[in-house]
C-alpha atoms as a PDB file:
ATOM      1  CA  UNK A   1      79.320 146.941 127.710  1.00  0.00           C
ATOM      2  CA  UNK A   2      79.521 145.788 124.072  1.00  0.00           C
ATOM      3  CA  UNK A   3      76.934 147.091 121.615  1.00  0.00           C
ATOM      4  CA  UNK A   4      75.029 143.943 120.750  1.00  0.00           C
ATOM      5  CA  UNK A   5      72.398 143.533 118.041  1.00  0.00           C
ATOM      6  CA  UNK A   6      70.165 140.686 116.951  1.00  0.00           C
ATOM      7  CA  UNK A   7      71.429 140.267 113.387  1.00  0.00           C
ATOM      8  CA  UNK A   8      69.056 138.686 110.874  1.00  0.00           C
ATOM      9  CA  UNK A   9      71.535 138.729 107.988  1.00  0.00           C
ATOM     10  CA  UNK A  10      75.247 138.772 107.228  1.00  0.00           C
ATOM     11  CA  UNK A  11      77.283 140.819 104.760  1.00  0.00           C
ATOM     12  CA  UNK A  12      79.861 138.927 102.696  1.00  0.00           C
ATOM     13  CA  UNK A  13      82.789 141.332 102.599  1.00  0.00           C
ATOM     14  CA  UNK A  14      85.088 139.448 100.203  1.00  0.00           C
ATOM     15  CA  UNK A  15      83.100 140.394  97.093  1.00  0.00           C
ATOM     16  CA  UNK A  16      84.343 143.374  95.111  1.00  0.00           C
ATOM     17  CA  UNK A  17      83.116 145.375  92.144  1.00  0.00           C
ATOM     18  CA  UNK A  18      84.483 143.713  89.020  1.00  0.00           C
ATOM     19  CA  UNK A  19      82.227 145.456  86.526  1.00  0.00           C
ATOM     20  CA  UNK A  20      80.890 143.562  83.527  1.00  0.00           C
ATOM     21  CA  UNK A  21      83.446 140.784  83.970  1.00  0.00           C
ATOM     22  CA  UNK A  22      81.166 139.390  86.690  1.00  0.00           C
ATOM     23  CA  UNK A  23      79.066 137.869  83.902  1.00  0.00           C
ATOM     24  CA  UNK A  24      82.113 135.960  82.673  1.00  0.00           C
ATOM     25  CA  UNK A  25      82.605 134.653  86.222  1.00  0.00           C
ATOM     26  CA  UNK A  26      78.923 133.699  86.253  1.00  0.00           C
ATOM     27  CA  UNK A  27      79.235 131.719  82.993  1.00  0.00           C
ATOM     28  CA  UNK A  28      82.336 129.918  84.317  1.00  0.00           C
ATOM     29  CA  UNK A  29      80.536 129.095  87.585  1.00  0.00           C
ATOM     30  CA  UNK A  30      77.472 127.751  85.738  1.00  0.00           C
ATOM     31  CA  UNK A  31      79.680 125.684  83.414  1.00  0.00           C
ATOM     32  CA  UNK A  32      81.642 124.164  86.319  1.00  0.00           C
ATOM     33  CA  UNK A  33      78.463 123.340  88.240  1.00  0.00           C
ATOM     34  CA  UNK A  34      76.866 121.650  85.206  1.00  0.00           C
ATOM     35  CA  UNK A  35      80.089 119.682  84.656  1.00  0.00           C
ATOM     36  CA  UNK A  36      80.162 118.557  88.291  1.00  0.00           C
ATOM     37  CA  UNK A  37      76.473 117.544  88.259  1.00  0.00           C
ATOM     38  CA  UNK A  38      76.745 115.642  84.957  1.00  0.00           C
ATOM     39  CA  UNK A  39      80.006 113.841  85.830  1.00  0.00           C
ATOM     40  CA  UNK A  40      78.969 112.761  89.340  1.00  0.00           C
ATOM     41  CA  UNK A  41      75.394 111.859  88.338  1.00  0.00           C
ATOM     42  CA  UNK A  42      76.712 109.738  85.454  1.00  0.00           C
ATOM     43  CA  UNK A  43      78.977 107.733  87.763  1.00  0.00           C
ATOM     44  CA  UNK A  44      76.234 107.315  90.380  1.00  0.00           C
ATOM     45  CA  UNK A  45      73.898 106.027  87.636  1.00  0.00           C
ATOM     46  CA  UNK A  46      76.557 103.657  86.296  1.00  0.00           C
ATOM     47  CA  UNK A  47      77.202 102.157  89.746  1.00  0.00           C
ATOM     48  CA  UNK A  48      73.448 101.898  90.418  1.00  0.00           C
ATOM     49  CA  UNK A  49      72.498 100.213  87.123  1.00  0.00           C
ATOM     50  CA  UNK A  50      75.475  97.882  86.665  1.00  0.00           C
ATOM     51  CA  UNK A  51      75.158  94.792  88.861  1.00  0.00           C
ATOM     52  CA  UNK A  52      78.847  94.013  88.489  1.00  0.00           C
ATOM     53  CA  UNK A  53      79.555  97.233  90.393  1.00  0.00           C
ATOM     54  CA  UNK A  54      77.328  96.362  93.357  1.00  0.00           C
ATOM     55  CA  UNK A  55      80.387  95.753  95.503  1.00  0.00           C
ATOM     56  CA  UNK A  56      81.702  97.496  98.659  1.00  0.00           C
ATOM     57  CA  UNK A  57      84.364  99.551  96.882  1.00  0.00           C
ATOM     58  CA  UNK A  58      81.842 100.981  94.404  1.00  0.00           C
ATOM     59  CA  UNK A  59      79.244 101.585  97.117  1.00  0.00           C
ATOM     60  CA  UNK A  60      81.813 103.795  98.848  1.00  0.00           C
ATOM     61  CA  UNK A  61      82.526 105.538  95.538  1.00  0.00           C
ATOM     62  CA  UNK A  62      78.811 106.154  94.942  1.00  0.00           C
ATOM     63  CA  UNK A  63      78.593 107.710  98.415  1.00  0.00           C
ATOM     64  CA  UNK A  64      81.600 109.882  97.573  1.00  0.00           C
ATOM     65  CA  UNK A  65      79.970 111.088  94.332  1.00  0.00           C
ATOM     66  CA  UNK A  66      76.698 111.835  96.149  1.00  0.00           C
ATOM     67  CA  UNK A  67      78.703 113.893  98.624  1.00  0.00           C
ATOM     68  CA  UNK A  68      80.337 115.828  95.767  1.00  0.00           C
ATOM     69  CA  UNK A  69      76.860 116.737  94.473  1.00  0.00           C
ATOM     70  CA  UNK A  70      75.738 117.627  97.987  1.00  0.00           C
ATOM     71  CA  UNK A  71      78.692 119.921  98.706  1.00  0.00           C
ATOM     72  CA  UNK A  72      78.723 121.657  95.313  1.00  0.00           C
ATOM     73  CA  UNK A  73      74.960 122.292  95.529  1.00  0.00           C
ATOM     74  CA  UNK A  74      75.546 123.995  98.868  1.00  0.00           C
ATOM     75  CA  UNK A  75      77.950 126.422  97.181  1.00  0.00           C
ATOM     76  CA  UNK A  76      77.468 126.948  93.427  1.00  0.00           C
ATOM     77  CA  UNK A  77      73.828 128.175  93.258  1.00  0.00           C
ATOM     78  CA  UNK A  78      74.669 130.582  96.075  1.00  0.00           C
ATOM     79  CA  UNK A  79      77.737 131.885  94.214  1.00  0.00           C
ATOM     80  CA  UNK A  80      75.661 132.416  91.066  1.00  0.00           C
ATOM     81  CA  UNK A  81      73.183 134.592  92.947  1.00  0.00           C
ATOM     82  CA  UNK A  82      75.897 136.573  94.711  1.00  0.00           C
ATOM     83  CA  UNK A  83      77.853 137.229  91.513  1.00  0.00           C
ATOM     84  CA  UNK A  84      74.953 139.166  89.970  1.00  0.00           C
ATOM     85  CA  UNK A  85      73.717 140.782  93.199  1.00  0.00           C
ATOM     86  CA  UNK A  86      74.447 144.387  94.088  1.00  0.00           C
ATOM     87  CA  UNK A  87      74.207 143.811  97.857  1.00  0.00           C
ATOM     88  CA  UNK A  88      76.154 140.743  98.947  1.00  0.00           C
ATOM     89  CA  UNK A  89      74.008 139.766 101.910  1.00  0.00           C
ATOM     90  CA  UNK A  90      72.578 136.481 103.133  1.00  0.00           C
ATOM     91  CA  UNK A  91      69.963 135.815 105.792  1.00  0.00           C
ATOM     92  CA  UNK A  92      71.204 134.302 109.049  1.00  0.00           C
ATOM     93  CA  UNK A  93      69.068 131.183 108.492  1.00  0.00           C
ATOM     94  CA  UNK A  94      70.499 130.521 105.020  1.00  0.00           C
ATOM     95  CA  UNK A  95      73.990 131.337 106.244  1.00  0.00           C
ATOM     96  CA  UNK A  96      73.879 128.709 108.987  1.00  0.00           C
ATOM     97  CA  UNK A  97      72.291 126.246 106.560  1.00  0.00           C
ATOM     98  CA  UNK A  98      75.188 126.751 104.174  1.00  0.00           C
ATOM     99  CA  UNK A  99      77.676 126.290 107.007  1.00  0.00           C
ATOM    100  CA  UNK A 100      75.953 123.022 107.942  1.00  0.00           C
ATOM    101  CA  UNK A 101      76.093 121.742 104.350  1.00  0.00           C
ATOM    102  CA  UNK A 102      79.714 122.721 103.693  1.00  0.00           C
ATOM    103  CA  UNK A 103      81.031 121.510 107.053  1.00  0.00           C
ATOM    104  CA  UNK A 104      79.200 118.193 106.821  1.00  0.00           C
ATOM    105  CA  UNK A 105      80.424 117.850 103.214  1.00  0.00           C
ATOM    106  CA  UNK A 106      84.038 118.189 104.320  1.00  0.00           C
ATOM    107  CA  UNK A 107      83.589 115.779 107.226  1.00  0.00           C
ATOM    108  CA  UNK A 108      81.854 113.150 105.065  1.00  0.00           C
ATOM    109  CA  UNK A 109      84.487 113.479 102.328  1.00  0.00           C
ATOM    110  CA  UNK A 110      87.405 112.755 104.642  1.00  0.00           C
ATOM    111  CA  UNK A 111      85.508 110.001 106.487  1.00  0.00           C
ATOM    112  CA  UNK A 112      84.521 108.188 103.281  1.00  0.00           C
ATOM    113  CA  UNK A 113      88.115 108.407 102.033  1.00  0.00           C
ATOM    114  CA  UNK A 114      89.223 106.844 105.354  1.00  0.00           C
ATOM    115  CA  UNK A 115      86.705 103.999 104.991  1.00  0.00           C
ATOM    116  CA  UNK A 116      87.870 103.460 101.404  1.00  0.00           C
ATOM    117  CA  UNK A 117      91.481 103.209 102.601  1.00  0.00           C
ATOM    118  CA  UNK A 118      90.448 100.524 105.095  1.00  0.00           C
ATOM    119  CA  UNK A 119      88.520  98.720 102.343  1.00  0.00           C
ATOM    120  CA  UNK A 120      91.627  98.685 100.118  1.00  0.00           C
ATOM    121  CA  UNK A 121      93.666  97.347 103.045  1.00  0.00           C
ATOM    122  CA  UNK A 122      91.266  94.411 103.453  1.00  0.00           C
ATOM    123  CA  UNK A 123      91.160  93.736  99.689  1.00  0.00           C
ATOM    124  CA  UNK A 124      94.948  93.722  99.258  1.00  0.00           C
ATOM    125  CA  UNK A 125      96.090  92.210 102.553  1.00  0.00           C
ATOM    126  CA  UNK A 126      93.287  89.617 102.898  1.00  0.00           C
ATOM    127  CA  UNK A 127      92.182  88.841  99.313  1.00  0.00           C
ATOM    128  CA  UNK A 128      90.789  85.389 100.134  1.00  0.00           C
ATOM    129  CA  UNK A 129      88.750  86.603 103.111  1.00  0.00           C
ATOM    130  CA  UNK A 130      87.791  89.993 101.689  1.00  0.00           C
ATOM    131  CA  UNK A 131      84.227  89.058 100.722  1.00  0.00           C
ATOM    132  CA  UNK A 132      83.622  87.856 104.287  1.00  0.00           C
ATOM    133  CA  UNK A 133      85.332  90.775 106.011  1.00  0.00           C
ATOM    134  CA  UNK A 134      83.675  93.453 103.851  1.00  0.00           C
ATOM    135  CA  UNK A 135      80.186  92.486 102.698  1.00  0.00           C
ATOM    136  CA  UNK A 136      77.748  94.741 100.846  1.00  0.00           C
ATOM    137  CA  UNK A 137      75.657  95.107 104.017  1.00  0.00           C
ATOM    138  CA  UNK A 138      78.723  96.131 106.025  1.00  0.00           C
ATOM    139  CA  UNK A 139      79.639  98.669 103.359  1.00  0.00           C
ATOM    140  CA  UNK A 140      76.139 100.178 103.490  1.00  0.00           C
ATOM    141  CA  UNK A 141      76.341 100.302 107.297  1.00  0.00           C
ATOM    142  CA  UNK A 142      79.691 102.113 107.098  1.00  0.00           C
ATOM    143  CA  UNK A 143      78.154 104.681 104.739  1.00  0.00           C
ATOM    144  CA  UNK A 144      75.072 105.271 106.944  1.00  0.00           C
ATOM    145  CA  UNK A 145      77.168 105.604 110.117  1.00  0.00           C
ATOM    146  CA  UNK A 146      79.614 107.961 108.403  1.00  0.00           C
ATOM    147  CA  UNK A 147      76.912 110.333 107.158  1.00  0.00           C
ATOM    148  CA  UNK A 148      74.984 110.184 110.454  1.00  0.00           C
ATOM    149  CA  UNK A 149      78.041 110.919 112.594  1.00  0.00           C
ATOM    150  CA  UNK A 150      79.146 113.815 110.365  1.00  0.00           C
ATOM    151  CA  UNK A 151      75.634 115.273 110.371  1.00  0.00           C
ATOM    152  CA  UNK A 152      75.503 115.058 114.169  1.00  0.00           C
ATOM    153  CA  UNK A 153      78.839 116.876 114.532  1.00  0.00           C
ATOM    154  CA  UNK A 154      77.693 119.628 112.164  1.00  0.00           C
ATOM    155  CA  UNK A 155      74.365 120.088 113.976  1.00  0.00           C
ATOM    156  CA  UNK A 156      76.157 120.507 117.326  1.00  0.00           C
ATOM    157  CA  UNK A 157      78.505 123.004 115.682  1.00  0.00           C
ATOM    158  CA  UNK A 158      75.585 125.087 114.371  1.00  0.00           C
ATOM    159  CA  UNK A 159      73.688 125.005 117.692  1.00  0.00           C
ATOM    160  CA  UNK A 160      76.753 126.268 119.561  1.00  0.00           C
ATOM    161  CA  UNK A 161      77.264 129.108 117.065  1.00  0.00           C
ATOM    162  CA  UNK A 162      73.628 130.249 117.003  1.00  0.00           C
ATOM    163  CA  UNK A 163      73.648 130.974 120.747  1.00  0.00           C
ATOM    164  CA  UNK A 164      76.649 133.356 120.530  1.00  0.00           C
ATOM    165  CA  UNK A 165      75.854 137.086 120.881  1.00  0.00           C
ATOM    166  CA  UNK A 166      77.400 138.928 117.940  1.00  0.00           C
ATOM    167  CA  UNK A 167      78.728 142.481 117.689  1.00  0.00           C
ATOM    168  CA  UNK A 168      79.108 142.499 113.924  1.00  0.00           C
ATOM    169  CA  UNK A 169      77.725 140.876 110.793  1.00  0.00           C
ATOM    170  CA  UNK A 170      80.481 141.245 108.183  1.00  0.00           C
ATOM    171  CA  UNK A 171      82.086 137.962 107.049  1.00  0.00           C
ATOM    172  CA  UNK A 172      85.238 138.511 104.996  1.00  0.00           C
ATOM    173  CA  UNK A 173      84.583 135.634 102.654  1.00  0.00           C
ATOM    174  CA  UNK A 174      82.508 134.814  99.568  1.00  0.00           C
ATOM    175  CA  UNK A 175      80.468 132.240 101.507  1.00  0.00           C
ATOM    176  CA  UNK A 176      79.479 131.684 105.136  1.00  0.00           C
ATOM    177  CA  UNK A 177      82.137 130.420 107.507  1.00  0.00           C
ATOM    178  CA  UNK A 178      81.485 129.293 111.072  1.00  0.00           C
ATOM    179  CA  UNK A 179      84.916 130.300 112.386  1.00  0.00           C
ATOM    180  CA  UNK A 180      84.539 133.860 111.080  1.00  0.00           C
ATOM    181  CA  UNK A 181      81.046 134.171 112.591  1.00  0.00           C
ATOM    182  CA  UNK A 182      82.296 133.033 116.003  1.00  0.00           C
ATOM    183  CA  UNK A 183      85.075 135.659 115.745  1.00  0.00           C
ATOM    184  CA  UNK A 184      82.313 138.304 115.628  1.00  0.00           C
ATOM    185  CA  UNK A 185      81.283 137.400 119.198  1.00  0.00           C
ATOM    186  CA  UNK A 186      80.981 140.323 121.626  1.00  0.00           C
ATOM    187  CA  UNK A 187      82.708 138.466 124.438  1.00  0.00           C
ATOM    188  CA  UNK A 188      85.382 135.762 124.427  1.00  0.00           C
ATOM    189  CA  UNK A 189      83.561 134.111 127.341  1.00  0.00           C
ATOM    190  CA  UNK A 190      80.672 133.355 124.960  1.00  0.00           C
ATOM    191  CA  UNK A 191      82.964 131.319 122.709  1.00  0.00           C
ATOM    192  CA  UNK A 192      84.744 129.154 125.284  1.00  0.00           C
ATOM    193  CA  UNK A 193      82.451 126.187 124.606  1.00  0.00           C
ATOM    194  CA  UNK A 194      82.774 126.783 120.846  1.00  0.00           C
ATOM    195  CA  UNK A 195      86.569 126.790 121.078  1.00  0.00           C
ATOM    196  CA  UNK A 196      86.592 123.632 123.206  1.00  0.00           C
ATOM    197  CA  UNK A 197      84.193 121.868 120.844  1.00  0.00           C
ATOM    198  CA  UNK A 198      86.246 123.127 117.895  1.00  0.00           C
ATOM    199  CA  UNK A 199      89.351 121.398 119.268  1.00  0.00           C
ATOM    200  CA  UNK A 200      87.449 118.160 119.986  1.00  0.00           C
ATOM    201  CA  UNK A 201      85.684 118.278 116.616  1.00  0.00           C
ATOM    202  CA  UNK A 202      88.911 118.906 114.709  1.00  0.00           C
ATOM    203  CA  UNK A 203      90.605 116.049 116.551  1.00  0.00           C
ATOM    204  CA  UNK A 204      87.816 113.638 115.602  1.00  0.00           C
ATOM    205  CA  UNK A 205      87.273 115.010 112.087  1.00  0.00           C
ATOM    206  CA  UNK A 206      90.949 114.913 111.140  1.00  0.00           C
ATOM    207  CA  UNK A 207      92.572 112.589 113.652  1.00  0.00           C
ATOM    208  CA  UNK A 208      90.006 109.772 113.450  1.00  0.00           C
ATOM    209  CA  UNK A 209      90.228 109.372 109.630  1.00  0.00           C
ATOM    210  CA  UNK A 210      94.032 109.762 109.622  1.00  0.00           C
ATOM    211  CA  UNK A 211      94.464 106.689 111.859  1.00  0.00           C
ATOM    212  CA  UNK A 212      92.800 104.111 109.523  1.00  0.00           C
ATOM    213  CA  UNK A 213      94.319 105.822 106.461  1.00  0.00           C
ATOM    214  CA  UNK A 214      97.862 105.682 107.865  1.00  0.00           C
ATOM    215  CA  UNK A 215      97.417 102.155 109.225  1.00  0.00           C
ATOM    216  CA  UNK A 216      95.939 100.895 105.937  1.00  0.00           C
ATOM    217  CA  UNK A 217      98.655 102.313 103.701  1.00  0.00           C
ATOM    218  CA  UNK A 218     101.480 101.176 105.983  1.00  0.00           C
ATOM    219  CA  UNK A 219     100.080  97.624 105.855  1.00  0.00           C
ATOM    220  CA  UNK A 220      99.589  97.831 102.074  1.00  0.00           C
ATOM    221  CA  UNK A 221     103.176  99.060 101.683  1.00  0.00           C
ATOM    222  CA  UNK A 222     104.475  96.132 103.746  1.00  0.00           C
ATOM    223  CA  UNK A 223     102.474  93.631 101.674  1.00  0.00           C
ATOM    224  CA  UNK A 224     103.661  95.203  98.414  1.00  0.00           C
ATOM    225  CA  UNK A 225     107.321  95.186  99.453  1.00  0.00           C
ATOM    226  CA  UNK A 226     107.140  91.480 100.332  1.00  0.00           C
ATOM    227  CA  UNK A 227     104.623  90.415  97.688  1.00  0.00           C
ATOM    228  CA  UNK A 228     104.747  89.423  94.057  1.00  0.00           C
ATOM    229  CA  UNK A 229     104.778  91.726  91.040  1.00  0.00           C
ATOM    230  CA  UNK A 230     101.079  90.949  90.480  1.00  0.00           C
ATOM    231  CA  UNK A 231     100.255  92.035  94.044  1.00  0.00           C
ATOM    232  CA  UNK A 232     102.127  95.314  93.562  1.00  0.00           C
ATOM    233  CA  UNK A 233     100.358  95.997  90.263  1.00  0.00           C
ATOM    234  CA  UNK A 234      96.948  95.341  91.834  1.00  0.00           C
ATOM    235  CA  UNK A 235      97.751  97.630  94.759  1.00  0.00           C
ATOM    236  CA  UNK A 236      98.909 100.439  92.457  1.00  0.00           C
ATOM    237  CA  UNK A 237      95.845 100.092  90.215  1.00  0.00           C
ATOM    238  CA  UNK A 238      93.330 100.234  93.069  1.00  0.00           C
ATOM    239  CA  UNK A 239      95.107 102.634  95.438  1.00  0.00           C
ATOM    240  CA  UNK A 240      96.403 105.310  93.070  1.00  0.00           C
ATOM    241  CA  UNK A 241      93.010 107.051  92.413  1.00  0.00           C
ATOM    242  CA  UNK A 242      92.188 106.972  96.119  1.00  0.00           C
ATOM    243  CA  UNK A 243      95.590 108.279  97.186  1.00  0.00           C
ATOM    244  CA  UNK A 244      95.543 111.067  94.591  1.00  0.00           C
ATOM    245  CA  UNK A 245      92.015 112.085  95.646  1.00  0.00           C
ATOM    246  CA  UNK A 246      92.975 112.015  99.334  1.00  0.00           C
ATOM    247  CA  UNK A 247      96.093 114.155  98.831  1.00  0.00           C
ATOM    248  CA  UNK A 248      94.206 116.613  96.626  1.00  0.00           C
ATOM    249  CA  UNK A 249      91.449 117.086  99.208  1.00  0.00           C
ATOM    250  CA  UNK A 250      93.960 117.344 102.065  1.00  0.00           C
ATOM    251  CA  UNK A 251      95.897 120.087 100.290  1.00  0.00           C
ATOM    252  CA  UNK A 252      92.652 121.942  99.587  1.00  0.00           C
ATOM    253  CA  UNK A 253      91.622 121.765 103.251  1.00  0.00           C
ATOM    254  CA  UNK A 254      95.093 122.895 104.300  1.00  0.00           C
ATOM    255  CA  UNK A 255      94.840 125.984 102.073  1.00  0.00           C
ATOM    256  CA  UNK A 256      91.416 126.786 103.537  1.00  0.00           C
ATOM    257  CA  UNK A 257      92.570 126.410 107.165  1.00  0.00           C
ATOM    258  CA  UNK A 258      95.671 128.553 106.583  1.00  0.00           C
ATOM    259  CA  UNK A 259      93.829 131.415 104.886  1.00  0.00           C
ATOM    260  CA  UNK A 260      91.002 131.361 107.474  1.00  0.00           C
ATOM    261  CA  UNK A 261      93.103 131.153 110.636  1.00  0.00           C
ATOM    262  CA  UNK A 262      96.086 133.334 109.785  1.00  0.00           C
ATOM    263  CA  UNK A 263      96.589 136.916 108.653  1.00  0.00           C
ATOM    264  CA  UNK A 264      96.543 136.781 104.852  1.00  0.00           C
ATOM    265  CA  UNK A 265      96.121 140.500 104.129  1.00  0.00           C
ATOM    266  CA  UNK A 266      99.384 140.480 102.161  1.00  0.00           C
ATOM    267  CA  UNK A 267      97.741 138.088  99.665  1.00  0.00           C
ATOM    268  CA  UNK A 268      95.621 139.809  96.975  1.00  0.00           C
ATOM    269  CA  UNK A 269      91.862 139.519  97.527  1.00  0.00           C
ATOM    270  CA  UNK A 270      91.392 137.347  94.431  1.00  0.00           C
ATOM    271  CA  UNK A 271      94.110 135.001  95.741  1.00  0.00           C
ATOM    272  CA  UNK A 272      92.330 134.607  99.094  1.00  0.00           C
ATOM    273  CA  UNK A 273      89.050 133.897  97.291  1.00  0.00           C
ATOM    274  CA  UNK A 274      90.672 131.183  95.152  1.00  0.00           C
ATOM    275  CA  UNK A 275      92.266 129.577  98.217  1.00  0.00           C
ATOM    276  CA  UNK A 276      88.932 129.529 100.087  1.00  0.00           C
ATOM    277  CA  UNK A 277      87.079 128.003  97.124  1.00  0.00           C
ATOM    278  CA  UNK A 278      89.722 125.503  96.035  1.00  0.00           C
ATOM    279  CA  UNK A 279      88.607 122.402  97.958  1.00  0.00           C
ATOM    280  CA  UNK A 280      84.907 123.158  97.424  1.00  0.00           C
ATOM    281  CA  UNK A 281      85.216 123.678  93.658  1.00  0.00           C
ATOM    282  CA  UNK A 282      88.048 121.379  92.575  1.00  0.00           C
ATOM    283  CA  UNK A 283      87.320 118.241  94.628  1.00  0.00           C
ATOM    284  CA  UNK A 284      83.761 117.649  93.274  1.00  0.00           C
ATOM    285  CA  UNK A 285      85.200 117.952  89.767  1.00  0.00           C
ATOM    286  CA  UNK A 286      88.389 116.052  90.493  1.00  0.00           C
ATOM    287  CA  UNK A 287      86.834 112.924  92.065  1.00  0.00           C
ATOM    288  CA  UNK A 288      84.705 111.743  89.097  1.00  0.00           C
ATOM    289  CA  UNK A 289      87.576 112.452  86.693  1.00  0.00           C
ATOM    290  CA  UNK A 290      90.241 110.551  88.623  1.00  0.00           C
ATOM    291  CA  UNK A 291      87.998 107.549  89.422  1.00  0.00           C
ATOM    292  CA  UNK A 292      86.275 107.528  86.038  1.00  0.00           C
ATOM    293  CA  UNK A 293      89.534 107.544  84.098  1.00  0.00           C
ATOM    294  CA  UNK A 294      91.695 105.363  86.355  1.00  0.00           C
ATOM    295  CA  UNK A 295      89.331 102.556  87.351  1.00  0.00           C
ATOM    296  CA  UNK A 296      88.863 100.105  84.486  1.00  0.00           C
ATOM    297  CA  UNK A 297      85.493  98.667  85.559  1.00  0.00           C
ATOM    298  CA  UNK A 298      83.911 102.108  85.913  1.00  0.00           C
ATOM    299  CA  UNK A 299      85.387 103.281  82.616  1.00  0.00           C
ATOM    300  CA  UNK A 300      84.061 100.214  80.783  1.00  0.00           C
ATOM    301  CA  UNK A 301      80.644 100.483  82.465  1.00  0.00           C
ATOM    302  CA  UNK A 302      80.423 104.165  81.430  1.00  0.00           C
ATOM    303  CA  UNK A 303      81.170 103.242  77.831  1.00  0.00           C
ATOM    304  CA  UNK A 304      78.522 100.470  77.875  1.00  0.00           C
ATOM    305  CA  UNK A 305      75.889 102.769  79.400  1.00  0.00           C
ATOM    306  CA  UNK A 306      76.561 105.628  76.983  1.00  0.00           C
ATOM    307  CA  UNK A 307      76.666 103.363  73.925  1.00  0.00           C
ATOM    308  CA  UNK A 308      73.403 101.668  74.941  1.00  0.00           C
ATOM    309  CA  UNK A 309      71.686 105.086  74.936  1.00  0.00           C
ATOM    310  CA  UNK A 310      72.832 105.870  71.388  1.00  0.00           C
END
């Protein structure tokens, strides 16, 4: 019979002794977090205060920026504490809370990007009917349903993991990961429901957003190929930031899945850490930059807001 224990904390095994250089890592982490908070908060404030931006597309963007703050806050303060700690441990309660935040962050991110793709499809393919097809109230409803559904999926995920009897408490990562905790289960029979739910959850989390994204961009491509030069220019202007953000996040998630699911012992420890942090660190910084610089209305509104404060 397996030696089971009621663990109240987990050990994060990916941290290593880096001497005094850990303070440099701490400064970099603090700087990145401040940058993420300032950039995303600025764009949320701009969209909130500027009436001309009270439109569906910008409501979705505001939700995206809120999610960037949400996800980064679930990671960065924790990293700061761990960087200066001698014992890299975390209580089971905080560990599962972090898993909930990071998993729901990822689910919301991809879902909002899918809704934004559908919004761009309506705007480009049905410009005259767009204001009827996508009202402000409908946009708000999409946002509420997206967050609620992603929260529900994450809660079910946590409840299934909490019930599993564990035979170890070492997670080979710099933050808590549900998949690695489930792998610590004493018996494979305990994780059958988790594995089944994992397949269903992955199908809905990835498959469901991919369908409207693929459909929307195929339709936009058809319209652009048959449309005027003005139509193509409008499509490029509005779709480029979204497409770049979507591809960037998808690549980040791909890196995370690969390094979590497959044997990556041949990759140096620092390389595995960077791969696991990529989508959680870069996306919250990348989104406000790409939308703030590429979208004319947001860029102009930022200038107006900043100049009015001077």
